[in-house]
Amino acid sequence: MSRAPHNHTPRQASAEYAALLDVMQSAAEAGTAVVRDGAGRLASLTWEVKGPTDYLTEIDRGAESAILGVLASAFPSAQLLGEETWTGAPIAAGLSFIVDPLDGTTNFLHGVPEYAVSIGALMDGIPVAGIVMHGARDEVFTATRGGGAYCNGERLAVSTITTPARALIATGFPFNNNSDIHRYAAHFARVAPSTAGIRRAGSAAVDFANVAAGRYDAFWELSLSPWDIAAGILLVREAGGVVTDLHGHDARIPPVPAAYVAGNIAMHRWLLDTIAQADATYLARLSHLHDTQHTTQHTTQHTTQSSAPEPAAPQVPQIPQAPQSERPSPSDA
């Protein structure tokens, strides 16, 4: 199976997506077995640095290899994109799998049981099947396009809370790109006082799954990669929720990190509006700060120039200016 014919009926497509999911579950089980083995010998694992505060171990690589092996055997013509091996290639037409072999590596390395294997299947770039296997808690979240979302076989539905004061919101902090930290702090300061609380688990795949399960009422994060969201987007949508970018456009899966907001319909709308208000205040404050600094610098320069003593008259003749043809051009300066 490499591509779903466009003339498939909904029932045929549903059956095909279910068949996809069966193989994806076998692949996730293979990856989870590697992760569980590693969890029993954390002290012996070597931490490799991928970037600032971003780590990698042999478990990430081993789990990804096990997952991709199962998928490649069943779908030899499909595009396979794993977090640890993806080189930035665009998502191709036809069938693609996007794999995060261990979402929440830092939690895993510290023995914090919030990490998961995540696999998303895309047909022509559209999520059609997804699985988040939370091995530490023995929870398996699955979804197929048009077929609903489930946890261990039980149908999922997003929460019904519509009052922010009763809402529990999930989030992810900027952790390897501090350029967003002040903007995020503005979001946090606006969201936190109006809600029942904010939680940061450290695994976006688990966060999306918990939104789908109705445990969290909404979620936002400013920079998520394709492997973080490929399964989670479908889980939330099939549980009756909404996932968009910060402008309210339906979430897509680009090959670069992007910001996302998810939740039940009411809380997603509230969170989207609240973040927009926080952004407007933050940008206005930045603009005011920039104008103030510019005015201060200008005043300081003017005061310094005004208070400086008059220079003495030159005691030597001025050097004549060079002819125009001999003057350096701006590009030579």
C-alpha atoms as a PDB file:
ATOM      1  CA  MET A   1       0.000   0.000   0.000  1.00  0.00           C
ATOM      2  CA  SER A   2       1.620   3.248  -1.095  1.00  0.00           C
ATOM      3  CA  ARG A   3      -1.234   5.521  -2.059  1.00  0.00           C
ATOM      4  CA  ALA A   4      -4.966   5.653  -1.452  1.00  0.00           C
ATOM      5  CA  PRO A   5      -6.820   5.921  -4.777  1.00  0.00           C
ATOM      6  CA  HIS A   6      -8.855   9.102  -4.940  1.00  0.00           C
ATOM      7  CA  ASN A   7     -11.996   7.147  -5.847  1.00  0.00           C
ATOM      8  CA  HIS A   8     -12.051   5.227  -2.568  1.00  0.00           C
ATOM      9  CA  THR A   9     -15.370   5.337  -0.752  1.00  0.00           C
ATOM     10  CA  PRO A  10     -15.279   6.504   2.887  1.00  0.00           C
ATOM     11  CA  ARG A  11     -15.722   2.896   4.016  1.00  0.00           C
ATOM     12  CA  GLN A  12     -12.829   1.692   1.825  1.00  0.00           C
ATOM     13  CA  ALA A  13     -10.614   4.538   3.017  1.00  0.00           C
ATOM     14  CA  SER A  14     -11.508   3.786   6.628  1.00  0.00           C
ATOM     15  CA  ALA A  15     -10.536   0.141   6.169  1.00  0.00           C
ATOM     16  CA  GLU A  16      -7.250   1.154   4.566  1.00  0.00           C
ATOM     17  CA  TYR A  17      -6.450   3.575   7.375  1.00  0.00           C
ATOM     18  CA  ALA A  18      -7.239   0.863   9.927  1.00  0.00           C
ATOM     19  CA  ALA A  19      -4.817  -1.473   8.129  1.00  0.00           C
ATOM     20  CA  LEU A  20      -2.196   1.267   8.258  1.00  0.00           C
ATOM     21  CA  LEU A  21      -2.785   1.653  11.971  1.00  0.00           C
ATOM     22  CA  ASP A  22      -2.318  -2.069  12.609  1.00  0.00           C
ATOM     23  CA  VAL A  23       1.190  -1.936  11.156  1.00  0.00           C
ATOM     24  CA  MET A  24       1.921   1.337  12.953  1.00  0.00           C
ATOM     25  CA  GLN A  25       0.983  -0.285  16.248  1.00  0.00           C
ATOM     26  CA  SER A  26       3.430  -3.129  15.589  1.00  0.00           C
ATOM     27  CA  ALA A  27       6.092  -0.540  14.769  1.00  0.00           C
ATOM     28  CA  ALA A  28       5.331   1.450  17.927  1.00  0.00           C
ATOM     29  CA  GLU A  29       5.544  -1.723  20.017  1.00  0.00           C
ATOM     30  CA  ALA A  30       8.980  -2.461  18.536  1.00  0.00           C
ATOM     31  CA  GLY A  31      10.154   1.047  19.416  1.00  0.00           C
ATOM     32  CA  THR A  32       8.623   0.940  22.878  1.00  0.00           C
ATOM     33  CA  ALA A  33      10.445  -2.329  23.611  1.00  0.00           C
ATOM     34  CA  VAL A  34      13.755  -0.541  22.960  1.00  0.00           C
ATOM     35  CA  VAL A  35      12.693   2.374  25.178  1.00  0.00           C
ATOM     36  CA  ARG A  36      11.656   0.079  28.031  1.00  0.00           C
ATOM     37  CA  ASP A  37      14.966  -1.740  27.836  1.00  0.00           C
ATOM     38  CA  GLY A  38      16.791   1.586  28.096  1.00  0.00           C
ATOM     39  CA  ALA A  39      14.664   2.693  31.032  1.00  0.00           C
ATOM     40  CA  GLY A  40      16.129  -0.177  33.019  1.00  0.00           C
ATOM     41  CA  ARG A  41      19.713   1.007  32.528  1.00  0.00           C
ATOM     42  CA  LEU A  42      19.569   4.796  32.546  1.00  0.00           C
ATOM     43  CA  ALA A  43      22.829   5.171  34.460  1.00  0.00           C
ATOM     44  CA  SER A  44      24.792   3.487  31.674  1.00  0.00           C
ATOM     45  CA  LEU A  45      23.421   5.619  28.833  1.00  0.00           C
ATOM     46  CA  THR A  46      25.596   8.269  27.184  1.00  0.00           C
ATOM     47  CA  TRP A  47      24.002  11.667  26.702  1.00  0.00           C
ATOM     48  CA  GLU A  48      24.794  13.164  23.313  1.00  0.00           C
ATOM     49  CA  VAL A  49      24.131  16.848  22.674  1.00  0.00           C
ATOM     50  CA  LYS A  50      21.987  17.684  19.635  1.00  0.00           C
ATOM     51  CA  GLY A  51      21.662  21.344  20.563  1.00  0.00           C
ATOM     52  CA  PRO A  52      21.325  23.599  23.617  1.00  0.00           C
ATOM     53  CA  THR A  53      19.522  21.511  26.289  1.00  0.00           C
ATOM     54  CA  ASP A  54      18.518  18.985  23.600  1.00  0.00           C
ATOM     55  CA  TYR A  55      19.831  15.462  24.097  1.00  0.00           C
ATOM     56  CA  LEU A  56      20.053  12.166  22.241  1.00  0.00           C
ATOM     57  CA  THR A  57      20.939   8.623  23.290  1.00  0.00           C
ATOM     58  CA  GLU A  58      21.414   5.231  21.701  1.00  0.00           C
ATOM     59  CA  ILE A  59      17.808   4.543  22.762  1.00  0.00           C
ATOM     60  CA  ASP A  60      16.462   7.249  20.434  1.00  0.00           C
ATOM     61  CA  ARG A  61      18.437   5.782  17.547  1.00  0.00           C
ATOM     62  CA  GLY A  62      17.648   2.173  18.407  1.00  0.00           C
ATOM     63  CA  ALA A  63      13.916   2.830  18.763  1.00  0.00           C
ATOM     64  CA  GLU A  64      13.801   4.759  15.496  1.00  0.00           C
ATOM     65  CA  SER A  65      15.634   1.967  13.674  1.00  0.00           C
ATOM     66  CA  ALA A  66      13.202  -0.629  15.042  1.00  0.00           C
ATOM     67  CA  ILE A  67      10.164   1.453  14.072  1.00  0.00           C
ATOM     68  CA  LEU A  68      11.372   2.271  10.570  1.00  0.00           C
ATOM     69  CA  GLY A  69      12.291  -1.365  10.008  1.00  0.00           C
ATOM     70  CA  VAL A  70       8.724  -2.513  10.629  1.00  0.00           C
ATOM     71  CA  LEU A  71       7.243   0.255   8.474  1.00  0.00           C
ATOM     72  CA  ALA A  72       9.691  -0.280   5.608  1.00  0.00           C
ATOM     73  CA  SER A  73       8.953  -3.999   5.536  1.00  0.00           C
ATOM     74  CA  ALA A  74       5.216  -3.407   5.208  1.00  0.00           C
ATOM     75  CA  PHE A  75       5.337  -0.307   2.987  1.00  0.00           C
ATOM     76  CA  PRO A  76       8.582  -0.412   0.957  1.00  0.00           C
ATOM     77  CA  SER A  77       7.582   2.476  -1.311  1.00  0.00           C
ATOM     78  CA  ALA A  78       6.443   4.834   1.469  1.00  0.00           C
ATOM     79  CA  GLN A  79       8.445   7.851   2.550  1.00  0.00           C
ATOM     80  CA  LEU A  80       9.908   7.305   6.035  1.00  0.00           C
ATOM     81  CA  LEU A  81      10.812  10.408   8.055  1.00  0.00           C
ATOM     82  CA  GLY A  82      12.304   9.933  11.516  1.00  0.00           C
ATOM     83  CA  GLU A  83      13.388  12.647  13.942  1.00  0.00           C
ATOM     84  CA  GLU A  84      16.939  11.337  14.219  1.00  0.00           C
ATOM     85  CA  THR A  85      17.447  10.705  10.484  1.00  0.00           C
ATOM     86  CA  TRP A  86      15.301  13.338   8.749  1.00  0.00           C
ATOM     87  CA  THR A  87      17.512  15.676   6.717  1.00  0.00           C
ATOM     88  CA  GLY A  88      14.809  18.241   6.004  1.00  0.00           C
ATOM     89  CA  ALA A  89      13.383  16.614   2.888  1.00  0.00           C
ATOM     90  CA  PRO A  90       9.895  17.847   1.976  1.00  0.00           C
ATOM     91  CA  ILE A  91       6.928  15.636   2.709  1.00  0.00           C
ATOM     92  CA  ALA A  92       6.227  13.748  -0.495  1.00  0.00           C
ATOM     93  CA  ALA A  93       2.979  12.931  -2.256  1.00  0.00           C
ATOM     94  CA  GLY A  94       1.530   9.534  -1.492  1.00  0.00           C
ATOM     95  CA  LEU A  95       2.108   7.718   1.776  1.00  0.00           C
ATOM     96  CA  SER A  96       4.521   9.128   4.365  1.00  0.00           C
ATOM     97  CA  PHE A  97       5.278   8.166   7.946  1.00  0.00           C
ATOM     98  CA  ILE A  98       6.640  10.701  10.430  1.00  0.00           C
ATOM     99  CA  VAL A  99       8.246   9.132  13.485  1.00  0.00           C
ATOM    100  CA  ASP A 100       9.338  10.423  16.869  1.00  0.00           C
ATOM    101  CA  PRO A 101      10.995   7.405  18.494  1.00  0.00           C
ATOM    102  CA  LEU A 102      11.136   9.004  21.941  1.00  0.00           C
ATOM    103  CA  ASP A 103       9.258  12.236  22.510  1.00  0.00           C
ATOM    104  CA  GLY A 104      10.381  13.462  25.912  1.00  0.00           C
ATOM    105  CA  THR A 105      14.010  12.288  25.920  1.00  0.00           C
ATOM    106  CA  THR A 106      14.977  14.543  28.830  1.00  0.00           C
ATOM    107  CA  ASN A 107      12.112  13.148  30.929  1.00  0.00           C
ATOM    108  CA  PHE A 108      13.218   9.637  29.992  1.00  0.00           C
ATOM    109  CA  LEU A 109      16.814  10.297  31.031  1.00  0.00           C
ATOM    110  CA  HIS A 110      15.660  11.572  34.428  1.00  0.00           C
ATOM    111  CA  GLY A 111      13.199   8.761  35.033  1.00  0.00           C
ATOM    112  CA  VAL A 112      10.177  11.045  34.685  1.00  0.00           C
ATOM    113  CA  PRO A 113       7.388   8.866  33.194  1.00  0.00           C
ATOM    114  CA  GLU A 114       6.194  11.362  30.585  1.00  0.00           C
ATOM    115  CA  TYR A 115       7.555  10.193  27.229  1.00  0.00           C
ATOM    116  CA  ALA A 116       6.165   8.303  24.266  1.00  0.00           C
ATOM    117  CA  VAL A 117       6.650   6.841  20.821  1.00  0.00           C
ATOM    118  CA  SER A 118       4.724   8.823  18.207  1.00  0.00           C
ATOM    119  CA  ILE A 119       3.978   7.795  14.616  1.00  0.00           C
ATOM    120  CA  GLY A 120       1.831   9.689  12.134  1.00  0.00           C
ATOM    121  CA  ALA A 121       0.784   8.460   8.690  1.00  0.00           C
ATOM    122  CA  LEU A 122       0.102  11.070   6.014  1.00  0.00           C
ATOM    123  CA  MET A 123      -1.536  10.594   2.628  1.00  0.00           C
ATOM    124  CA  ASP A 124      -0.589  13.427   0.288  1.00  0.00           C
ATOM    125  CA  GLY A 125       0.412  15.454   3.346  1.00  0.00           C
ATOM    126  CA  ILE A 126      -2.880  14.900   5.199  1.00  0.00           C
ATOM    127  CA  PRO A 127      -2.834  12.975   8.521  1.00  0.00           C
ATOM    128  CA  VAL A 128      -4.834   9.760   8.133  1.00  0.00           C
ATOM    129  CA  ALA A 129      -3.617   7.597  11.027  1.00  0.00           C
ATOM    130  CA  GLY A 130      -1.735   8.243  14.240  1.00  0.00           C
ATOM    131  CA  ILE A 131      -0.512   6.473  17.337  1.00  0.00           C
ATOM    132  CA  VAL A 132       1.054   7.741  20.565  1.00  0.00           C
ATOM    133  CA  MET A 133       2.300   4.852  22.685  1.00  0.00           C
ATOM    134  CA  HIS A 134       2.878   6.009  26.267  1.00  0.00           C
ATOM    135  CA  GLY A 135       4.819   2.967  27.427  1.00  0.00           C
ATOM    136  CA  ALA A 136       5.565   4.274  30.904  1.00  0.00           C
ATOM    137  CA  ARG A 137       1.821   4.403  31.644  1.00  0.00           C
ATOM    138  CA  ASP A 138       0.674   1.524  29.402  1.00  0.00           C
ATOM    139  CA  GLU A 139      -1.569   3.821  27.393  1.00  0.00           C
ATOM    140  CA  VAL A 140      -1.965   3.536  23.624  1.00  0.00           C
ATOM    141  CA  PHE A 141      -3.677   6.463  21.889  1.00  0.00           C
ATOM    142  CA  THR A 142      -4.814   5.839  18.313  1.00  0.00           C
ATOM    143  CA  ALA A 143      -6.793   7.627  15.627  1.00  0.00           C
ATOM    144  CA  THR A 144      -7.747   7.209  11.987  1.00  0.00           C
ATOM    145  CA  ARG A 145      -9.204   9.870   9.740  1.00  0.00           C
ATOM    146  CA  GLY A 146     -12.965   9.697  10.068  1.00  0.00           C
ATOM    147  CA  GLY A 147     -12.708   6.757  12.458  1.00  0.00           C
ATOM    148  CA  GLY A 148     -12.425   8.479  15.810  1.00  0.00           C
ATOM    149  CA  ALA A 149      -9.740   8.547  18.516  1.00  0.00           C
ATOM    150  CA  TYR A 150      -9.208   5.909  21.203  1.00  0.00           C
ATOM    151  CA  CYS A 151      -7.122   5.104  24.264  1.00  0.00           C
ATOM    152  CA  ASN A 152      -6.672   1.391  24.939  1.00  0.00           C
ATOM    153  CA  GLY A 153      -9.798   0.772  22.880  1.00  0.00           C
ATOM    154  CA  GLU A 154     -11.995   3.329  24.661  1.00  0.00           C
ATOM    155  CA  ARG A 155     -13.452   6.141  22.535  1.00  0.00           C
ATOM    156  CA  LEU A 156     -11.999   9.574  23.316  1.00  0.00           C
ATOM    157  CA  ALA A 157     -13.688  12.972  23.397  1.00  0.00           C
ATOM    158  CA  VAL A 158     -12.263  16.379  24.210  1.00  0.00           C
ATOM    159  CA  SER A 159     -13.463  18.092  27.371  1.00  0.00           C
ATOM    160  CA  THR A 160     -16.716  20.013  27.615  1.00  0.00           C
ATOM    161  CA  ILE A 161     -15.376  22.806  29.816  1.00  0.00           C
ATOM    162  CA  THR A 162     -16.088  26.241  28.367  1.00  0.00           C
ATOM    163  CA  THR A 163     -15.203  28.471  31.340  1.00  0.00           C
ATOM    164  CA  PRO A 164     -11.546  29.540  31.446  1.00  0.00           C
ATOM    165  CA  ALA A 165     -11.569  29.678  35.259  1.00  0.00           C
ATOM    166  CA  ARG A 166     -12.223  25.927  35.310  1.00  0.00           C
ATOM    167  CA  ALA A 167      -9.849  25.043  32.494  1.00  0.00           C
ATOM    168  CA  LEU A 168      -6.544  23.196  32.819  1.00  0.00           C
ATOM    169  CA  ILE A 169      -4.172  24.297  30.071  1.00  0.00           C
ATOM    170  CA  ALA A 170      -1.085  22.444  28.828  1.00  0.00           C
ATOM    171  CA  THR A 171       1.938  24.101  27.317  1.00  0.00           C
ATOM    172  CA  GLY A 172       5.551  23.664  26.331  1.00  0.00           C
ATOM    173  CA  PHE A 173       8.283  26.094  27.317  1.00  0.00           C
ATOM    174  CA  PRO A 174      10.882  27.280  24.794  1.00  0.00           C
ATOM    175  CA  PHE A 175      13.823  25.036  25.697  1.00  0.00           C
ATOM    176  CA  ASN A 176      16.406  25.273  22.925  1.00  0.00           C
ATOM    177  CA  ASN A 177      15.610  28.663  21.403  1.00  0.00           C
ATOM    178  CA  ASN A 178      15.637  31.423  24.003  1.00  0.00           C
ATOM    179  CA  SER A 179      14.695  34.063  21.430  1.00  0.00           C
ATOM    180  CA  ASP A 180      11.033  33.223  22.167  1.00  0.00           C
ATOM    181  CA  ILE A 181      11.289  33.169  25.959  1.00  0.00           C
ATOM    182  CA  HIS A 182      10.054  36.743  26.599  1.00  0.00           C
ATOM    183  CA  ARG A 183       7.182  36.401  24.159  1.00  0.00           C
ATOM    184  CA  TYR A 184       6.223  33.108  25.787  1.00  0.00           C
ATOM    185  CA  ALA A 185       6.413  34.724  29.234  1.00  0.00           C
ATOM    186  CA  ALA A 186       3.909  37.335  28.039  1.00  0.00           C
ATOM    187  CA  HIS A 187       1.566  34.530  26.949  1.00  0.00           C
ATOM    188  CA  PHE A 188       1.969  32.741  30.276  1.00  0.00           C
ATOM    189  CA  ALA A 189       1.309  35.905  32.263  1.00  0.00           C
ATOM    190  CA  ARG A 190      -1.938  36.473  30.356  1.00  0.00           C
ATOM    191  CA  VAL A 191      -3.190  32.854  30.434  1.00  0.00           C
ATOM    192  CA  ALA A 192      -2.285  31.772  33.979  1.00  0.00           C
ATOM    193  CA  PRO A 193      -4.417  34.194  36.072  1.00  0.00           C
ATOM    194  CA  SER A 194      -7.574  33.341  34.129  1.00  0.00           C
ATOM    195  CA  THR A 195      -7.414  29.542  34.352  1.00  0.00           C
ATOM    196  CA  ALA A 196      -7.416  26.732  36.899  1.00  0.00           C
ATOM    197  CA  GLY A 197      -3.785  25.997  36.096  1.00  0.00           C
ATOM    198  CA  ILE A 198      -1.059  25.405  33.522  1.00  0.00           C
ATOM    199  CA  ARG A 199       0.865  22.149  33.118  1.00  0.00           C
ATOM    200  CA  ARG A 200       4.082  21.389  31.239  1.00  0.00           C
ATOM    201  CA  ALA A 201       4.675  17.641  30.814  1.00  0.00           C
ATOM    202  CA  GLY A 202       7.695  17.878  28.521  1.00  0.00           C
ATOM    203  CA  SER A 203       6.273  15.793  25.665  1.00  0.00           C
ATOM    204  CA  ALA A 204       4.080  17.419  23.043  1.00  0.00           C
ATOM    205  CA  ALA A 205       2.867  14.027  21.806  1.00  0.00           C
ATOM    206  CA  VAL A 206       1.598  13.236  25.308  1.00  0.00           C
ATOM    207  CA  ASP A 207       0.084  16.725  25.612  1.00  0.00           C
ATOM    208  CA  PHE A 208      -1.934  16.303  22.412  1.00  0.00           C
ATOM    209  CA  ALA A 209      -3.065  12.860  23.566  1.00  0.00           C
ATOM    210  CA  ASN A 210      -4.212  14.297  26.888  1.00  0.00           C
ATOM    211  CA  VAL A 211      -6.158  17.042  25.122  1.00  0.00           C
ATOM    212  CA  ALA A 212      -7.859  14.342  23.025  1.00  0.00           C
ATOM    213  CA  ALA A 213      -8.669  12.446  26.227  1.00  0.00           C
ATOM    214  CA  GLY A 214     -10.277  15.520  27.814  1.00  0.00           C
ATOM    215  CA  ARG A 215      -7.662  15.727  30.582  1.00  0.00           C
ATOM    216  CA  TYR A 216      -6.422  19.088  29.340  1.00  0.00           C
ATOM    217  CA  ASP A 217      -8.864  21.619  27.936  1.00  0.00           C
ATOM    218  CA  ALA A 218      -6.362  23.318  25.624  1.00  0.00           C
ATOM    219  CA  PHE A 219      -2.665  23.420  24.743  1.00  0.00           C
ATOM    220  CA  TRP A 220      -0.222  25.806  23.087  1.00  0.00           C
ATOM    221  CA  GLU A 221       3.446  25.802  22.165  1.00  0.00           C
ATOM    222  CA  LEU A 222       5.513  28.165  20.036  1.00  0.00           C
ATOM    223  CA  SER A 223       7.895  25.796  18.288  1.00  0.00           C
ATOM    224  CA  LEU A 224       6.967  22.206  17.480  1.00  0.00           C
ATOM    225  CA  SER A 225       8.596  20.025  14.839  1.00  0.00           C
ATOM    226  CA  PRO A 226       6.673  17.741  12.447  1.00  0.00           C
ATOM    227  CA  TRP A 227       7.494  14.603  14.452  1.00  0.00           C
ATOM    228  CA  ASP A 228       6.049  16.227  17.600  1.00  0.00           C
ATOM    229  CA  ILE A 229       2.606  16.703  16.065  1.00  0.00           C
ATOM    230  CA  ALA A 230       2.103  14.202  13.217  1.00  0.00           C
ATOM    231  CA  ALA A 231       0.026  11.850  15.387  1.00  0.00           C
ATOM    232  CA  GLY A 232      -1.283  14.363  17.927  1.00  0.00           C
ATOM    233  CA  ILE A 233      -3.079  16.603  15.439  1.00  0.00           C
ATOM    234  CA  LEU A 234      -5.232  13.701  14.283  1.00  0.00           C
ATOM    235  CA  LEU A 235      -5.899  12.499  17.834  1.00  0.00           C
ATOM    236  CA  VAL A 236      -7.327  15.876  18.845  1.00  0.00           C
ATOM    237  CA  ARG A 237      -9.363  16.350  15.680  1.00  0.00           C
ATOM    238  CA  GLU A 238     -10.869  12.872  15.823  1.00  0.00           C
ATOM    239  CA  ALA A 239     -11.780  13.449  19.474  1.00  0.00           C
ATOM    240  CA  GLY A 240     -13.812  16.501  18.439  1.00  0.00           C
ATOM    241  CA  GLY A 241     -11.175  19.174  19.061  1.00  0.00           C
ATOM    242  CA  VAL A 242      -9.461  21.848  17.004  1.00  0.00           C
ATOM    243  CA  VAL A 243      -5.781  22.347  16.123  1.00  0.00           C
ATOM    244  CA  THR A 244      -4.602  25.525  14.379  1.00  0.00           C
ATOM    245  CA  ASP A 245      -1.674  27.857  14.027  1.00  0.00           C
ATOM    246  CA  LEU A 246      -1.636  31.130  15.979  1.00  0.00           C
ATOM    247  CA  HIS A 247      -3.706  32.816  13.264  1.00  0.00           C
ATOM    248  CA  GLY A 248      -6.521  30.281  13.554  1.00  0.00           C
ATOM    249  CA  HIS A 249      -5.723  28.508  10.289  1.00  0.00           C
ATOM    250  CA  ASP A 250      -6.081  24.731  10.251  1.00  0.00           C
ATOM    251  CA  ALA A 251      -2.817  23.156  11.349  1.00  0.00           C
ATOM    252  CA  ARG A 252      -0.682  21.618   8.639  1.00  0.00           C
ATOM    253  CA  ILE A 253       2.532  19.679   8.986  1.00  0.00           C
ATOM    254  CA  PRO A 254       5.347  21.778   7.497  1.00  0.00           C
ATOM    255  CA  PRO A 255       8.963  20.546   7.392  1.00  0.00           C
ATOM    256  CA  VAL A 256      10.013  23.261   9.862  1.00  0.00           C
ATOM    257  CA  PRO A 257       9.059  24.061  13.489  1.00  0.00           C
ATOM    258  CA  ALA A 258       5.878  26.084  13.961  1.00  0.00           C
ATOM    259  CA  ALA A 259       3.461  27.245  16.679  1.00  0.00           C
ATOM    260  CA  TYR A 260       0.220  25.401  17.454  1.00  0.00           C
ATOM    261  CA  VAL A 261      -2.919  25.831  19.572  1.00  0.00           C
ATOM    262  CA  ALA A 262      -5.217  22.881  20.343  1.00  0.00           C
ATOM    263  CA  GLY A 263      -8.268  22.275  22.474  1.00  0.00           C
ATOM    264  CA  ASN A 264     -11.999  21.808  22.601  1.00  0.00           C
ATOM    265  CA  ILE A 265     -13.790  24.327  20.398  1.00  0.00           C
ATOM    266  CA  ALA A 266     -14.575  26.863  23.123  1.00  0.00           C
ATOM    267  CA  MET A 267     -11.244  26.752  24.960  1.00  0.00           C
ATOM    268  CA  HIS A 268      -9.259  26.744  21.732  1.00  0.00           C
ATOM    269  CA  ARG A 269     -11.010  29.971  20.695  1.00  0.00           C
ATOM    270  CA  TRP A 270     -10.422  31.555  24.105  1.00  0.00           C
ATOM    271  CA  LEU A 271      -6.758  30.546  24.167  1.00  0.00           C
ATOM    272  CA  LEU A 272      -6.198  31.764  20.608  1.00  0.00           C
ATOM    273  CA  ASP A 273      -7.718  35.164  21.459  1.00  0.00           C
ATOM    274  CA  THR A 274      -5.807  35.398  24.747  1.00  0.00           C
ATOM    275  CA  ILE A 275      -2.488  34.688  23.052  1.00  0.00           C
ATOM    276  CA  ALA A 276      -3.284  37.299  20.392  1.00  0.00           C
ATOM    277  CA  GLN A 277      -3.964  39.882  23.108  1.00  0.00           C
ATOM    278  CA  ALA A 278      -0.706  38.963  24.842  1.00  0.00           C
ATOM    279  CA  ASP A 279       1.185  39.295  21.570  1.00  0.00           C
ATOM    280  CA  ALA A 280      -0.325  42.717  20.899  1.00  0.00           C
ATOM    281  CA  THR A 281       0.685  43.947  24.361  1.00  0.00           C
ATOM    282  CA  TYR A 282       4.142  42.426  24.043  1.00  0.00           C
ATOM    283  CA  LEU A 283       4.783  43.999  20.628  1.00  0.00           C
ATOM    284  CA  ALA A 284       3.522  47.396  21.820  1.00  0.00           C
ATOM    285  CA  ARG A 285       5.868  47.198  24.790  1.00  0.00           C
ATOM    286  CA  LEU A 286       8.790  46.301  22.526  1.00  0.00           C
ATOM    287  CA  SER A 287       7.968  49.208  20.232  1.00  0.00           C
ATOM    288  CA  HIS A 288       7.759  51.624  23.189  1.00  0.00           C
ATOM    289  CA  LEU A 289      11.047  50.327  24.572  1.00  0.00           C
ATOM    290  CA  HIS A 290      12.719  50.752  21.205  1.00  0.00           C
ATOM    291  CA  ASP A 291      11.404  54.326  20.853  1.00  0.00           C
ATOM    292  CA  THR A 292      12.515  55.185  24.408  1.00  0.00           C
ATOM    293  CA  GLN A 293      16.003  53.832  23.835  1.00  0.00           C
ATOM    294  CA  HIS A 294      16.271  55.708  20.538  1.00  0.00           C
ATOM    295  CA  THR A 295      15.164  58.985  22.171  1.00  0.00           C
ATOM    296  CA  THR A 296      17.562  58.503  25.093  1.00  0.00           C
ATOM    297  CA  GLN A 297      20.477  57.837  22.763  1.00  0.00           C
ATOM    298  CA  HIS A 298      19.651  60.874  20.641  1.00  0.00           C
ATOM    299  CA  THR A 299      19.342  63.133  23.723  1.00  0.00           C
ATOM    300  CA  THR A 300      22.603  61.838  25.174  1.00  0.00           C
ATOM    301  CA  GLN A 301      24.457  62.430  21.922  1.00  0.00           C
ATOM    302  CA  HIS A 302      22.992  65.944  21.584  1.00  0.00           C
ATOM    303  CA  THR A 303      23.889  66.848  25.187  1.00  0.00           C
ATOM    304  CA  THR A 304      27.420  65.532  24.767  1.00  0.00           C
ATOM    305  CA  GLN A 305      27.920  67.495  21.568  1.00  0.00           C
ATOM    306  CA  SER A 306      26.467  70.695  23.100  1.00  0.00           C
ATOM    307  CA  SER A 307      28.658  70.568  26.209  1.00  0.00           C
ATOM    308  CA  ALA A 308      31.895  69.807  24.368  1.00  0.00           C
ATOM    309  CA  PRO A 309      34.374  72.763  24.063  1.00  0.00           C
ATOM    310  CA  GLU A 310      34.640  74.489  20.720  1.00  0.00           C
ATOM    311  CA  PRO A 311      37.514  72.960  18.779  1.00  0.00           C
ATOM    312  CA  ALA A 312      40.532  75.190  18.218  1.00  0.00           C
ATOM    313  CA  ALA A 313      40.958  76.662  14.757  1.00  0.00           C
ATOM    314  CA  PRO A 314      43.172  74.497  12.630  1.00  0.00           C
ATOM    315  CA  GLN A 315      46.794  75.698  12.493  1.00  0.00           C
ATOM    316  CA  VAL A 316      47.471  74.155   9.099  1.00  0.00           C
ATOM    317  CA  PRO A 317      45.740  74.634   5.784  1.00  0.00           C
ATOM    318  CA  GLN A 318      42.974  72.228   4.947  1.00  0.00           C
ATOM    319  CA  ILE A 319      43.895  69.415   2.609  1.00  0.00           C
ATOM    320  CA  PRO A 320      42.133  69.931  -0.719  1.00  0.00           C
ATOM    321  CA  GLN A 321      39.446  67.370  -1.537  1.00  0.00           C
ATOM    322  CA  ALA A 322      40.277  64.776  -4.128  1.00  0.00           C
ATOM    323  CA  PRO A 323      38.568  65.083  -7.501  1.00  0.00           C
ATOM    324  CA  GLN A 324      35.282  63.159  -7.782  1.00  0.00           C
ATOM    325  CA  SER A 325      36.909  60.398  -9.834  1.00  0.00           C
ATOM    326  CA  GLU A 326      39.457  59.760  -7.068  1.00  0.00           C
ATOM    327  CA  ARG A 327      36.999  59.546  -4.169  1.00  0.00           C
ATOM    328  CA  PRO A 328      36.276  56.097  -2.822  1.00  0.00           C
ATOM    329  CA  SER A 329      32.877  54.686  -3.742  1.00  0.00           C
ATOM    330  CA  PRO A 330      30.541  53.600  -0.917  1.00  0.00           C
ATOM    331  CA  SER A 331      31.374  49.962  -1.656  1.00  0.00           C
ATOM    332  CA  ASP A 332      35.069  50.660  -1.026  1.00  0.00           C
ATOM    333  CA  ALA A 333      34.462  52.186   2.407  1.00  0.00           C
END
